[in-house]
Amino acid sequence: MPKTTIQVPEKGTYQWQLFDYWSDEFRQTHADHSAYIALNFAGALDACRNKFQTLIQYHRQHLNDAKHGIRHSRAIARLQNTMSGAAMAYESCFHQATTRNTSAA
């Protein structure tokens, strides 16, 4: 099967800017999808999820501490923003890719 090459628009034009943007977007999405699959097969996502839940549980147990309760509340917020945000990004990227693959079949 012969491969057709994509003609890259002339650099500096609006078409080139669009082409550059979408090719970067494709590479990033593909990289996220590949990273999710690799992490999932390596068992890293389960380990991260377990560590996340353990840390959340630890900080929730200390929320009522009069001296350090606010600090534990902030720690929970940071954990939720970073760990769950990263996990949701990977999972949503993975689910979008699998949805596209199953609908195309």
C-alpha atoms as a PDB file:
ATOM      1  CA  MET A   1       0.000   0.000   0.000  1.00  0.00           C
ATOM      2  CA  PRO A   2       1.583   3.281  -1.032  1.00  0.00           C
ATOM      3  CA  LYS A   3       1.804   6.010   1.580  1.00  0.00           C
ATOM      4  CA  THR A   4       0.850   9.530   0.647  1.00  0.00           C
ATOM      5  CA  THR A   5       2.855  12.218   2.326  1.00  0.00           C
ATOM      6  CA  ILE A   6       1.207  15.210   3.868  1.00  0.00           C
ATOM      7  CA  GLN A   7       2.296  18.459   2.327  1.00  0.00           C
ATOM      8  CA  VAL A   8       3.316  20.868   5.043  1.00  0.00           C
ATOM      9  CA  PRO A   9       2.058  24.400   4.399  1.00  0.00           C
ATOM     10  CA  GLU A  10       4.576  27.160   3.905  1.00  0.00           C
ATOM     11  CA  LYS A  11       6.117  28.191   7.230  1.00  0.00           C
ATOM     12  CA  GLY A  12       4.772  31.400   8.707  1.00  0.00           C
ATOM     13  CA  THR A  13       1.351  31.167   7.041  1.00  0.00           C
ATOM     14  CA  TYR A  14      -1.938  30.732   8.881  1.00  0.00           C
ATOM     15  CA  GLN A  15      -2.282  27.211   7.439  1.00  0.00           C
ATOM     16  CA  TRP A  16       1.171  26.351   8.792  1.00  0.00           C
ATOM     17  CA  GLN A  17       0.175  27.624  12.263  1.00  0.00           C
ATOM     18  CA  LEU A  18      -2.933  25.417  12.199  1.00  0.00           C
ATOM     19  CA  PHE A  19      -0.934  22.445  10.952  1.00  0.00           C
ATOM     20  CA  ASP A  20       1.678  22.986  13.669  1.00  0.00           C
ATOM     21  CA  TYR A  21      -0.986  23.290  16.371  1.00  0.00           C
ATOM     22  CA  TRP A  22      -2.886  20.154  15.357  1.00  0.00           C
ATOM     23  CA  SER A  23       0.224  18.059  14.838  1.00  0.00           C
ATOM     24  CA  ASP A  24       1.402  19.049  18.343  1.00  0.00           C
ATOM     25  CA  GLU A  25      -2.072  18.254  19.690  1.00  0.00           C
ATOM     26  CA  PHE A  26      -1.995  14.828  18.029  1.00  0.00           C
ATOM     27  CA  ARG A  27       1.474  14.050  19.403  1.00  0.00           C
ATOM     28  CA  GLN A  28       0.450  15.083  22.929  1.00  0.00           C
ATOM     29  CA  THR A  29      -2.780  13.050  22.849  1.00  0.00           C
ATOM     30  CA  HIS A  30      -0.957  10.034  21.476  1.00  0.00           C
ATOM     31  CA  ALA A  31       1.761  10.412  24.125  1.00  0.00           C
ATOM     32  CA  ASP A  32      -0.847  10.654  26.922  1.00  0.00           C
ATOM     33  CA  HIS A  33      -2.639   7.574  25.612  1.00  0.00           C
ATOM     34  CA  SER A  34       0.606   5.600  25.356  1.00  0.00           C
ATOM     35  CA  ALA A  35       1.645   6.709  28.841  1.00  0.00           C
ATOM     36  CA  TYR A  36      -1.696   5.611  30.296  1.00  0.00           C
ATOM     37  CA  ILE A  37      -1.408   2.179  28.684  1.00  0.00           C
ATOM     38  CA  ALA A  38       2.188   1.757  29.863  1.00  0.00           C
ATOM     39  CA  LEU A  39       1.342   2.833  33.414  1.00  0.00           C
ATOM     40  CA  ASN A  40      -1.723   0.608  33.480  1.00  0.00           C
ATOM     41  CA  PHE A  41       0.147  -2.501  32.278  1.00  0.00           C
ATOM     42  CA  ALA A  42       3.003  -1.813  34.689  1.00  0.00           C
ATOM     43  CA  GLY A  43       0.511  -1.710  37.560  1.00  0.00           C
ATOM     44  CA  ALA A  44       1.587   1.814  38.438  1.00  0.00           C
ATOM     45  CA  LEU A  45      -1.916   3.267  38.336  1.00  0.00           C
ATOM     46  CA  ASP A  46      -3.171   0.886  41.017  1.00  0.00           C
ATOM     47  CA  ALA A  47      -0.168   1.675  43.199  1.00  0.00           C
ATOM     48  CA  CYS A  48      -0.741   5.425  42.720  1.00  0.00           C
ATOM     49  CA  ARG A  49      -4.437   5.076  43.459  1.00  0.00           C
ATOM     50  CA  ASN A  50      -3.712   3.105  46.642  1.00  0.00           C
ATOM     51  CA  LYS A  51      -1.096   5.635  47.791  1.00  0.00           C
ATOM     52  CA  PHE A  52      -3.497   8.479  47.037  1.00  0.00           C
ATOM     53  CA  GLN A  53      -6.283   6.854  49.075  1.00  0.00           C
ATOM     54  CA  THR A  54      -3.900   6.129  51.965  1.00  0.00           C
ATOM     55  CA  LEU A  55      -2.714   9.753  52.070  1.00  0.00           C
ATOM     56  CA  ILE A  56      -6.265  11.106  51.890  1.00  0.00           C
ATOM     57  CA  GLN A  57      -7.331   8.776  54.697  1.00  0.00           C
ATOM     58  CA  TYR A  58      -4.373   9.847  56.857  1.00  0.00           C
ATOM     59  CA  HIS A  59      -5.138  13.538  56.428  1.00  0.00           C
ATOM     60  CA  ARG A  60      -8.888  13.043  57.005  1.00  0.00           C
ATOM     61  CA  GLN A  61      -8.121  11.351  60.322  1.00  0.00           C
ATOM     62  CA  HIS A  62      -6.251  14.477  61.424  1.00  0.00           C
ATOM     63  CA  LEU A  63      -8.751  17.093  60.205  1.00  0.00           C
ATOM     64  CA  ASN A  64     -10.226  17.538  63.681  1.00  0.00           C
ATOM     65  CA  ASP A  65      -6.824  18.261  65.198  1.00  0.00           C
ATOM     66  CA  ALA A  66      -7.193  21.792  66.579  1.00  0.00           C
ATOM     67  CA  LYS A  67      -3.561  22.714  66.028  1.00  0.00           C
ATOM     68  CA  HIS A  68      -2.933  21.259  62.551  1.00  0.00           C
ATOM     69  CA  GLY A  69      -6.415  20.709  61.085  1.00  0.00           C
ATOM     70  CA  ILE A  70      -6.123  23.495  58.520  1.00  0.00           C
ATOM     71  CA  ARG A  71      -2.782  22.133  57.335  1.00  0.00           C
ATOM     72  CA  HIS A  72      -4.335  18.701  56.765  1.00  0.00           C
ATOM     73  CA  SER A  73      -7.240  20.288  54.918  1.00  0.00           C
ATOM     74  CA  ARG A  74      -4.805  22.059  52.579  1.00  0.00           C
ATOM     75  CA  ALA A  75      -2.884  18.807  52.084  1.00  0.00           C
ATOM     76  CA  ILE A  76      -6.095  17.056  51.012  1.00  0.00           C
ATOM     77  CA  ALA A  77      -6.867  19.849  48.543  1.00  0.00           C
ATOM     78  CA  ARG A  78      -3.360  19.639  47.063  1.00  0.00           C
ATOM     79  CA  LEU A  79      -3.571  15.859  46.740  1.00  0.00           C
ATOM     80  CA  GLN A  80      -6.934  16.054  45.036  1.00  0.00           C
ATOM     81  CA  ASN A  81      -5.740  18.746  42.641  1.00  0.00           C
ATOM     82  CA  THR A  82      -2.560  16.960  41.628  1.00  0.00           C
ATOM     83  CA  MET A  83      -3.001  13.202  41.906  1.00  0.00           C
ATOM     84  CA  SER A  84      -6.666  12.949  41.004  1.00  0.00           C
ATOM     85  CA  GLY A  85      -6.253  15.573  38.283  1.00  0.00           C
ATOM     86  CA  ALA A  86      -3.435  13.613  36.681  1.00  0.00           C
ATOM     87  CA  ALA A  87      -5.328  10.327  36.997  1.00  0.00           C
ATOM     88  CA  MET A  88      -8.480  11.828  35.506  1.00  0.00           C
ATOM     89  CA  ALA A  89      -6.506  13.274  32.598  1.00  0.00           C
ATOM     90  CA  TYR A  90      -4.939   9.914  31.803  1.00  0.00           C
ATOM     91  CA  GLU A  91      -8.196   8.022  32.182  1.00  0.00           C
ATOM     92  CA  SER A  92     -10.258  10.469  30.131  1.00  0.00           C
ATOM     93  CA  CYS A  93      -7.618  10.438  27.389  1.00  0.00           C
ATOM     94  CA  PHE A  94      -7.628   6.644  27.405  1.00  0.00           C
ATOM     95  CA  HIS A  95     -11.426   6.394  27.351  1.00  0.00           C
ATOM     96  CA  GLN A  96     -11.692   8.925  24.527  1.00  0.00           C
ATOM     97  CA  ALA A  97      -9.205   6.940  22.465  1.00  0.00           C
ATOM     98  CA  THR A  98     -10.940   3.615  23.114  1.00  0.00           C
ATOM     99  CA  THR A  99     -14.324   5.172  22.320  1.00  0.00           C
ATOM    100  CA  ARG A 100     -12.959   6.443  19.003  1.00  0.00           C
ATOM    101  CA  ASN A 101     -11.436   3.049  18.222  1.00  0.00           C
ATOM    102  CA  THR A 102     -14.611   1.095  18.986  1.00  0.00           C
ATOM    103  CA  SER A 103     -16.876   3.503  17.099  1.00  0.00           C
ATOM    104  CA  ALA A 104     -14.585   3.364  14.056  1.00  0.00           C
ATOM    105  CA  ALA A 105     -14.712  -0.452  13.970  1.00  0.00           C
END
